[in-house]
Amino acid sequence: MSSPWPFLTNDLPGVGGTIKRRVEDFRVDEIPLYDACGEGTHVYFRIEKRGIPTPVAVERLAHHMNVRAGDIGVAGLKDAQALTTQTLSLEHADPEKLIAYHDHQMRVLEVSRHGNKLRPGHLAGNRFAIKIRDVSADALDPARAILDVLTRRGVPNYFGPQRFGLRGDTADLGEAIVRDDLDEFIHIFLGRPNDADPPDCRAARDAFEVGAMDRALKRWPRHYADQRKALAAYKKKHNPRHALNAIDKRMKRLFVSAFQSAIFNDVLARRIDTLDVVLAGDLAQKTDTGGIFPVEDPAVEQPRAAAFEISPTGPLPGYRERLAGGEPGKIEQDVIAARCLDLESLNKLGPLKVKGARRALRFPLHEPNLSAGADEQGPYLELTFTAPSGCYATIAVEEICKTG
């Protein structure tokens, strides 16, 4: 576990350690935005899953209930390598059939009813309990010193490595789409083997790199449907646009979103020392409502930032989203210029075009606690806290561990 971005607590040494040695070492409990009222046509059901991503859980439940996966409402995605609970919804479902479902990785804990389908974002946050193993016996105090800084100043709101895929290339794929450099896109998507590739995928990528299209198509595992469809389309005419068109639109949106996330991370890295300071020209976000407003007088607004009532933001660039002014705006413009990106190009992506948004440079830790313990696997530190939705808990852990 290591971070490619600068730490807020760079002046405090990390304690090392490892996480996710066992699935149970990383626990995530979703906090609903609202409780089911007990009446309505939509059945809300809370599941516990271990070691699988949310889409896999949804597919299994859809098969069990004989519905499409898209019929099941999901508020947020939960870590795959973790023990997690979250609420899903399904209209006109048989509650008894739902509660009866279980397999070796998932079970339904409870059911209720409500009047609407769960939608992405319908959650207040997540509660985390994370065991850090392989730390020294005297690690608790230095870890608490770091946690104190994160509690007071906030945690850098980086998008975590999982946002950028197992190969770390989803942002590169998104950038290639935005630039309309589709030759580059198809070579990243189907070729460019690296050490993160599973052996079966590595063989397919190796074959593509040497132009062996038939062999590459045979090598791609069946569950890599988008790669197989893209390769089949590319094989016919060697036209990368045909290959791109064959890929599921949701996957392409994910790539463009990852590119936006990478730009945000670059801006945050430049603002790491002032993530809790509002500067003239900043576009600040209100913690309670999420509203965005321009900072005109930092002396007036800084006490609110110190109280975590507001935070400076960075861009998820889009054709409608404005950049900050003053020094913050210069940083944002420099980051975008370094990628030779024309923001108007984000309006020329057809169904993939993005309006853009702003994201706070930090997130708060609620009810944070660090304790030392031991079990049959040995000693550990346990970090517990609650964080808003969309924030990456592993960023807080990386600040404490600084491994790598």
Protein backbone atom coordinates (compact mmCIF):
# COMPACT_ATOMS: atom_id res chain seq x y z
CA MET A 1 0.00 0.00 0.00
CA SER A 2 1.56 3.25 -1.10
CA SER A 3 0.28 6.60 -2.29
CA PRO A 4 1.45 8.33 -5.49
CA TRP A 5 0.30 11.68 -4.06
CA PRO A 6 1.86 13.86 -1.36
CA PHE A 7 0.73 13.40 2.23
CA LEU A 8 -0.79 16.11 4.38
CA THR A 9 1.17 14.75 7.35
CA ASN A 10 4.46 14.41 5.50
CA ASP A 11 6.35 15.74 8.55
CA LEU A 12 5.12 12.84 10.71
CA PRO A 13 6.61 9.39 10.10
CA GLY A 14 4.22 6.59 9.24
CA VAL A 15 3.86 3.43 11.28
CA GLY A 16 4.00 0.99 8.35
CA GLY A 17 1.72 -2.03 8.40
CA THR A 18 -0.68 -3.79 6.07
CA ILE A 19 -4.45 -3.82 5.64
CA LYS A 20 -6.93 -6.29 4.13
CA ARG A 21 -4.92 -9.36 5.12
CA ARG A 22 -8.32 -10.87 5.77
CA VAL A 23 -11.65 -9.73 4.38
CA GLU A 24 -12.86 -9.11 7.93
CA ASP A 25 -9.99 -6.67 8.54
CA PHE A 26 -11.74 -4.03 6.43
CA ARG A 27 -15.33 -3.47 7.49
CA VAL A 28 -17.67 -0.96 5.82
CA ASP A 29 -21.24 -0.28 6.93
CA GLU A 30 -23.34 1.98 4.74
CA ILE A 31 -25.28 4.71 6.55
CA PRO A 32 -28.63 5.29 4.78
CA LEU A 33 -29.67 8.79 3.82
CA TYR A 34 -33.16 7.96 5.11
CA ASP A 35 -34.90 5.01 6.73
CA ALA A 36 -37.46 2.93 4.90
CA CYS A 37 -40.93 4.05 6.01
CA GLY A 38 -42.41 0.54 6.07
CA GLU A 39 -44.90 1.11 3.26
CA GLY A 40 -44.70 1.23 -0.53
CA THR A 41 -44.10 -0.92 -3.59
CA HIS A 42 -40.31 -0.99 -3.26
CA VAL A 43 -38.71 -3.59 -1.01
CA TYR A 44 -35.58 -2.30 0.72
CA PHE A 45 -33.21 -5.04 1.79
CA ARG A 46 -29.91 -4.86 3.63
CA ILE A 47 -27.20 -7.26 2.55
CA GLU A 48 -23.88 -8.36 4.01
CA LYS A 49 -21.23 -9.36 1.49
CA ARG A 50 -17.63 -10.42 1.78
CA GLY A 51 -14.89 -10.47 -0.83
CA ILE A 52 -17.03 -9.45 -3.83
CA PRO A 53 -17.82 -6.07 -5.47
CA THR A 54 -21.32 -4.65 -5.31
CA PRO A 55 -22.11 -5.28 -9.04
CA VAL A 56 -21.41 -8.99 -8.55
CA ALA A 57 -23.74 -9.07 -5.55
CA VAL A 58 -26.42 -7.31 -7.60
CA GLU A 59 -26.04 -9.79 -10.48
CA ARG A 60 -26.49 -12.76 -8.12
CA LEU A 61 -29.57 -11.27 -6.53
CA ALA A 62 -31.05 -10.35 -9.92
CA HIS A 63 -30.61 -13.95 -11.06
CA HIS A 64 -32.22 -15.21 -7.84
CA MET A 65 -35.20 -12.85 -8.26
CA ASN A 66 -35.40 -13.35 -12.06
CA VAL A 67 -35.07 -9.62 -12.81
CA ARG A 68 -32.59 -7.43 -14.64
CA ALA A 69 -29.64 -6.13 -12.62
CA GLY A 70 -30.73 -2.59 -13.52
CA ASP A 71 -34.03 -3.16 -11.69
CA ILE A 72 -32.17 -3.30 -8.38
CA GLY A 73 -31.54 0.09 -6.79
CA VAL A 74 -28.10 0.79 -5.34
CA ALA A 75 -27.07 3.83 -3.30
CA GLY A 76 -23.30 3.27 -3.48
CA LEU A 77 -20.57 0.81 -4.39
CA LYS A 78 -18.68 -0.93 -1.59
CA ASP A 79 -15.16 -2.33 -1.49
CA ALA A 80 -14.69 -5.81 -2.91
CA GLN A 81 -11.96 -6.95 -0.52
CA ALA A 82 -13.95 -6.14 2.58
CA LEU A 83 -16.82 -7.21 4.81
CA THR A 84 -19.58 -4.73 3.99
CA THR A 85 -23.24 -4.03 4.56
CA GLN A 86 -25.47 -1.89 2.35
CA THR A 87 -29.10 -1.38 1.41
CA LEU A 88 -30.53 -2.26 -2.02
CA SER A 89 -34.08 -1.98 -3.37
CA LEU A 90 -36.34 -3.87 -5.75
CA GLU A 91 -39.90 -2.96 -6.71
CA HIS A 92 -42.73 -5.51 -6.43
CA ALA A 93 -40.34 -8.06 -4.90
CA ASP A 94 -41.31 -10.99 -2.70
CA PRO A 95 -39.74 -10.17 0.68
CA GLU A 96 -39.69 -13.80 1.75
CA LYS A 97 -37.82 -14.85 -1.38
CA LEU A 98 -35.29 -12.05 -0.83
CA ILE A 99 -34.67 -12.82 2.84
CA ALA A 100 -34.15 -16.48 1.95
CA TYR A 101 -31.18 -15.71 -0.30
CA HIS A 102 -27.68 -16.56 0.89
CA ASP A 103 -24.49 -17.99 -0.51
CA HIS A 104 -20.93 -18.37 0.78
CA GLN A 105 -20.20 -14.67 0.22
CA MET A 106 -23.48 -12.88 0.76
CA ARG A 107 -26.71 -12.93 2.76
CA VAL A 108 -29.78 -10.73 3.14
CA LEU A 109 -30.05 -9.38 6.69
CA GLU A 110 -33.41 -7.62 6.75
CA VAL A 111 -36.19 -6.30 4.53
CA SER A 112 -38.61 -3.36 4.69
CA ARG A 113 -40.68 -1.25 2.31
CA HIS A 114 -40.49 2.25 0.90
CA GLY A 115 -42.09 4.39 -1.80
CA ASN A 116 -39.15 4.90 -4.18
CA LYS A 117 -36.22 3.11 -5.74
CA LEU A 118 -32.80 3.65 -4.22
CA ARG A 119 -30.62 5.81 -6.46
CA PRO A 120 -26.87 6.43 -6.52
CA GLY A 121 -26.04 8.92 -3.80
CA HIS A 122 -28.93 7.98 -1.50
CA LEU A 123 -26.59 7.43 1.43
CA ALA A 124 -25.33 9.66 4.23
CA GLY A 125 -21.90 8.09 4.45
CA ASN A 126 -20.04 4.99 5.53
CA ARG A 127 -18.75 3.69 8.85
CA PHE A 128 -15.33 2.04 8.71
CA ALA A 129 -13.48 -0.33 11.03
CA ILE A 130 -10.02 -1.10 9.64
CA LYS A 131 -7.38 -3.32 11.19
CA ILE A 132 -3.75 -2.39 10.44
CA ARG A 133 -1.45 -5.36 10.97
CA ASP A 134 2.34 -5.82 11.02
CA VAL A 135 2.98 -2.69 13.08
CA SER A 136 5.43 -2.30 15.96
CA ALA A 137 4.35 -2.48 19.59
CA ASP A 138 4.90 1.27 20.05
CA ALA A 139 2.95 2.35 16.94
CA LEU A 140 -0.19 3.57 18.71
CA ASP A 141 1.06 6.97 19.87
CA PRO A 142 2.64 8.06 16.55
CA ALA A 143 -0.47 6.83 14.72
CA ARG A 144 -2.65 8.91 17.03
CA ALA A 145 -0.50 11.97 16.36
CA ILE A 146 -1.27 11.62 12.66
CA LEU A 147 -4.95 10.98 13.32
CA ASP A 148 -5.12 14.15 15.42
CA VAL A 149 -3.91 16.20 12.42
CA LEU A 150 -6.37 14.51 10.07
CA THR A 151 -9.21 15.11 12.52
CA ARG A 152 -8.35 18.78 12.90
CA ARG A 153 -7.43 19.66 9.31
CA GLY A 154 -9.32 17.01 7.32
CA VAL A 155 -8.23 14.10 5.16
CA PRO A 156 -7.02 14.85 1.60
CA ASN A 157 -10.01 14.04 -0.56
CA TYR A 158 -8.00 12.22 -3.21
CA PHE A 159 -9.67 9.67 -5.43
CA GLY A 160 -8.04 6.43 -4.34
CA PRO A 161 -6.08 4.06 -6.59
CA GLN A 162 -9.15 1.85 -7.00
CA ARG A 163 -10.69 4.70 -9.03
CA PHE A 164 -8.01 4.13 -11.65
CA GLY A 165 -8.40 0.37 -12.04
CA LEU A 166 -6.21 -2.64 -11.40
CA ARG A 167 -3.84 -1.57 -14.18
CA GLY A 168 -3.94 2.07 -13.15
CA ASP A 169 -4.87 3.11 -16.69
CA THR A 170 -8.54 4.16 -16.60
CA ALA A 171 -7.60 7.86 -16.53
CA ASP A 172 -5.30 7.32 -19.52
CA LEU A 173 -8.17 5.66 -21.37
CA GLY A 174 -10.44 8.60 -20.53
CA GLU A 175 -7.84 11.10 -21.66
CA ALA A 176 -7.48 9.30 -24.98
CA ILE A 177 -11.26 9.49 -25.48
CA VAL A 178 -11.35 13.20 -24.65
CA ARG A 179 -8.46 13.89 -27.04
CA ASP A 180 -10.08 11.69 -29.70
CA ASP A 181 -6.79 9.79 -29.86
CA LEU A 182 -8.50 6.49 -30.49
CA ASP A 183 -5.41 4.63 -31.72
CA GLU A 184 -3.89 5.32 -28.30
CA PHE A 185 -7.13 4.27 -26.62
CA ILE A 186 -7.35 0.92 -28.35
CA HIS A 187 -3.71 0.09 -27.68
CA ILE A 188 -4.13 0.82 -23.96
CA PHE A 189 -7.44 -1.03 -23.80
CA LEU A 190 -6.36 -4.17 -25.65
CA GLY A 191 -2.57 -4.15 -25.51
CA ARG A 192 0.23 -2.62 -23.43
CA PRO A 193 0.66 -5.62 -21.08
CA ASN A 194 1.99 -4.89 -17.60
CA ASP A 195 2.73 -6.72 -14.37
CA ALA A 196 -0.76 -6.04 -12.97
CA ASP A 197 -2.39 -8.21 -15.65
CA PRO A 198 -3.67 -11.66 -14.69
CA PRO A 199 -1.92 -14.35 -16.77
CA ASP A 200 -4.93 -14.99 -19.03
CA CYS A 201 -5.32 -11.29 -19.83
CA ARG A 202 -1.58 -10.91 -20.28
CA ALA A 203 -1.62 -13.55 -23.01
CA ALA A 204 -4.42 -11.69 -24.84
CA ARG A 205 -2.59 -8.38 -24.61
CA ASP A 206 0.69 -9.95 -25.77
CA ALA A 207 -1.08 -11.36 -28.81
CA PHE A 208 -2.65 -7.99 -29.66
CA GLU A 209 0.72 -6.26 -29.42
CA VAL A 210 2.16 -8.49 -32.16
CA GLY A 211 -0.94 -8.19 -34.35
CA ALA A 212 -2.24 -11.73 -33.71
CA MET A 213 -5.90 -10.71 -33.54
CA ASP A 214 -7.41 -14.20 -33.78
CA ARG A 215 -5.16 -15.46 -31.01
CA ALA A 216 -5.91 -12.40 -28.88
CA LEU A 217 -9.66 -12.95 -29.27
CA LYS A 218 -9.30 -16.57 -28.18
CA ARG A 219 -7.19 -15.56 -25.19
CA TRP A 220 -9.55 -12.93 -23.74
CA PRO A 221 -11.61 -14.61 -20.98
CA ARG A 222 -15.35 -14.67 -21.60
CA HIS A 223 -16.17 -12.34 -18.72
CA TYR A 224 -14.12 -9.54 -20.32
CA ALA A 225 -17.07 -8.77 -22.56
CA ASP A 226 -16.08 -5.21 -23.50
CA GLN A 227 -12.55 -6.19 -24.50
CA ARG A 228 -13.89 -9.05 -26.60
CA LYS A 229 -16.49 -6.84 -28.33
CA ALA A 230 -13.94 -4.09 -28.98
CA LEU A 231 -11.40 -6.55 -30.37
CA ALA A 232 -13.97 -8.25 -32.62
CA ALA A 233 -14.97 -4.84 -34.02
CA TYR A 234 -11.34 -3.74 -34.45
CA LYS A 235 -10.40 -7.03 -36.12
CA LYS A 236 -12.85 -6.42 -38.98
CA LYS A 237 -11.56 -3.06 -40.26
CA HIS A 238 -8.75 -2.04 -37.88
CA ASN A 239 -10.85 1.04 -37.17
CA PRO A 240 -10.45 2.16 -33.52
CA ARG A 241 -13.69 4.16 -33.61
CA HIS A 242 -15.66 1.03 -34.41
CA ALA A 243 -13.92 -0.64 -31.50
CA LEU A 244 -14.77 2.23 -29.15
CA ASN A 245 -18.42 2.18 -30.25
CA ALA A 246 -18.63 -1.51 -29.33
CA ILE A 247 -17.82 -0.83 -25.67
CA ASP A 248 -20.61 -0.38 -23.13
CA LYS A 249 -21.39 3.32 -22.64
CA ARG A 250 -21.21 2.99 -18.84
CA MET A 251 -17.64 1.73 -19.13
CA LYS A 252 -16.67 4.64 -21.37
CA ARG A 253 -18.23 7.08 -18.92
CA LEU A 254 -16.14 5.51 -16.17
CA PHE A 255 -12.98 6.18 -18.21
CA VAL A 256 -13.85 9.85 -18.78
CA SER A 257 -14.76 10.21 -15.10
CA ALA A 258 -11.38 8.71 -14.10
CA PHE A 259 -9.65 11.33 -16.26
CA GLN A 260 -11.55 14.07 -14.43
CA SER A 261 -10.54 12.45 -11.14
CA ALA A 262 -6.88 12.45 -12.11
CA ILE A 263 -7.01 16.19 -12.81
CA PHE A 264 -8.66 16.79 -9.44
CA ASN A 265 -5.95 14.76 -7.71
CA ASP A 266 -3.25 16.79 -9.48
CA VAL A 267 -4.85 20.03 -8.25
CA LEU A 268 -5.18 18.68 -4.70
CA ALA A 269 -1.52 17.61 -4.73
CA ARG A 270 -0.61 21.23 -5.53
CA ARG A 271 -2.94 22.47 -2.74
CA ILE A 272 -2.03 19.85 -0.13
CA ASP A 273 -0.57 22.37 2.34
CA THR A 274 -3.58 24.68 2.06
CA LEU A 275 -6.42 22.17 1.84
CA ASP A 276 -7.92 23.70 5.00
CA VAL A 277 -7.21 27.31 3.98
CA VAL A 278 -9.52 29.38 1.78
CA LEU A 279 -7.77 31.81 -0.55
CA ALA A 280 -9.11 34.74 -2.54
CA GLY A 281 -10.77 33.34 -5.65
CA ASP A 282 -11.44 29.92 -4.12
CA LEU A 283 -14.76 28.27 -4.84
CA ALA A 284 -15.65 26.99 -1.37
CA GLN A 285 -18.16 24.31 -0.48
CA LYS A 286 -20.52 24.44 2.48
CA THR A 287 -20.16 21.27 4.54
CA ASP A 288 -23.83 21.06 5.51
CA THR A 289 -25.53 21.79 2.18
CA GLY A 290 -22.83 21.22 -0.44
CA GLY A 291 -23.44 24.68 -1.87
CA ILE A 292 -20.56 26.36 -3.73
CA PHE A 293 -19.69 30.05 -3.41
CA PRO A 294 -16.71 32.27 -4.37
CA VAL A 295 -14.40 33.45 -1.61
CA GLU A 296 -13.98 37.21 -1.81
CA ASP A 297 -12.56 37.95 1.65
CA PRO A 298 -10.44 35.08 3.04
CA ALA A 299 -10.12 36.81 6.43
CA VAL A 300 -13.89 36.63 6.84
CA GLU A 301 -14.25 33.05 5.64
CA GLN A 302 -11.19 31.39 7.21
CA PRO A 303 -12.75 30.97 10.68
CA ARG A 304 -15.53 28.98 8.98
CA ALA A 305 -12.91 26.81 7.27
CA ALA A 306 -11.14 26.26 10.61
CA ALA A 307 -14.48 25.10 12.04
CA PHE A 308 -14.96 22.77 9.04
CA GLU A 309 -18.10 24.66 8.02
CA ILE A 310 -16.60 25.23 4.55
CA SER A 311 -13.72 23.84 2.50
CA PRO A 312 -11.89 24.88 -0.66
CA THR A 313 -12.70 22.80 -3.73
CA GLY A 314 -10.98 21.54 -6.84
CA PRO A 315 -12.37 20.88 -10.32
CA LEU A 316 -13.81 17.81 -11.94
CA PRO A 317 -13.52 19.68 -15.21
CA GLY A 318 -16.36 19.90 -17.67
CA TYR A 319 -17.68 22.24 -20.33
CA ARG A 320 -20.04 24.02 -17.90
CA GLU A 321 -17.97 24.01 -14.72
CA ARG A 322 -16.08 27.21 -13.99
CA LEU A 323 -12.60 27.28 -12.54
CA ALA A 324 -11.61 29.17 -9.41
CA GLY A 325 -10.10 32.65 -9.56
CA GLY A 326 -6.96 34.13 -8.08
CA GLU A 327 -4.09 31.84 -7.07
CA PRO A 328 -6.35 28.75 -6.80
CA GLY A 329 -7.51 29.36 -10.36
CA LYS A 330 -3.94 29.69 -11.58
CA ILE A 331 -3.12 26.30 -10.07
CA GLU A 332 -6.15 24.74 -11.75
CA GLN A 333 -5.30 26.32 -15.10
CA ASP A 334 -1.66 25.16 -14.80
CA VAL A 335 -2.74 21.56 -14.13
CA ILE A 336 -5.13 21.58 -17.09
CA ALA A 337 -2.53 23.26 -19.34
CA ALA A 338 0.04 20.61 -18.37
CA ARG A 339 -2.27 18.07 -20.01
CA CYS A 340 -2.81 20.35 -23.03
CA LEU A 341 -6.53 20.01 -22.40
CA ASP A 342 -9.11 22.26 -24.03
CA LEU A 343 -12.13 22.24 -21.73
CA GLU A 344 -14.42 22.74 -24.72
CA SER A 345 -13.38 19.27 -25.91
CA LEU A 346 -15.42 17.90 -23.00
CA ASN A 347 -18.50 19.22 -24.83
CA LYS A 348 -17.65 17.34 -28.02
CA LEU A 349 -17.99 13.80 -26.71
CA GLY A 350 -21.58 13.19 -27.79
CA PRO A 351 -23.34 11.09 -25.14
CA LEU A 352 -20.13 11.05 -23.09
CA LYS A 353 -19.85 14.83 -22.72
CA VAL A 354 -19.48 15.99 -19.12
CA LYS A 355 -20.73 19.16 -17.45
CA GLY A 356 -18.19 19.01 -14.65
CA ALA A 357 -18.42 19.58 -10.91
CA ARG A 358 -16.48 20.79 -7.88
CA ARG A 359 -15.20 18.54 -5.08
CA ALA A 360 -13.98 19.52 -1.63
CA LEU A 361 -10.21 19.23 -1.18
CA ARG A 362 -10.69 17.48 2.16
CA PHE A 363 -13.22 15.39 4.03
CA PRO A 364 -14.01 15.22 7.76
CA LEU A 365 -13.51 12.24 10.03
CA HIS A 366 -16.45 11.75 12.37
CA GLU A 367 -16.03 9.82 15.61
CA PRO A 368 -12.42 8.84 14.82
CA ASN A 369 -10.67 6.39 17.12
CA LEU A 370 -7.48 4.36 17.17
CA SER A 371 -6.92 1.43 19.49
CA ALA A 372 -4.50 -1.47 19.83
CA GLY A 373 -5.62 -5.07 20.00
CA ALA A 374 -4.70 -8.64 19.19
CA ASP A 375 -6.45 -11.75 17.85
CA GLU A 376 -5.48 -15.14 16.48
CA GLN A 377 -3.73 -13.37 13.59
CA GLY A 378 -1.56 -11.31 15.95
CA PRO A 379 -1.47 -7.67 17.14
CA TYR A 380 -3.07 -4.83 15.21
CA LEU A 381 -4.16 -1.22 15.33
CA GLU A 382 -7.85 -0.67 14.65
CA LEU A 383 -8.94 2.60 13.05
CA THR A 384 -12.64 3.45 13.19
CA PHE A 385 -14.42 6.50 11.80
CA THR A 386 -17.38 7.66 9.76
CA ALA A 387 -16.89 9.56 6.49
CA PRO A 388 -19.18 11.13 3.89
CA SER A 389 -20.10 9.17 0.78
CA GLY A 390 -17.68 9.35 -2.12
CA CYS A 391 -14.60 9.58 0.12
CA TYR A 392 -11.83 6.98 0.14
CA ALA A 393 -11.07 5.57 3.58
CA THR A 394 -7.77 4.14 2.37
CA ILE A 395 -6.42 7.69 1.99
CA ALA A 396 -6.66 8.16 5.77
CA VAL A 397 -4.97 4.80 6.30
CA GLU A 398 -2.16 5.71 3.89
CA GLU A 399 -1.49 8.90 5.87
CA ILE A 400 -1.04 6.82 9.02
CA CYS A 401 0.97 3.98 7.47
CA LYS A 402 2.98 5.71 4.74
CA THR A 403 4.01 2.30 3.41
CA GLY A 404 6.13 2.07 0.28
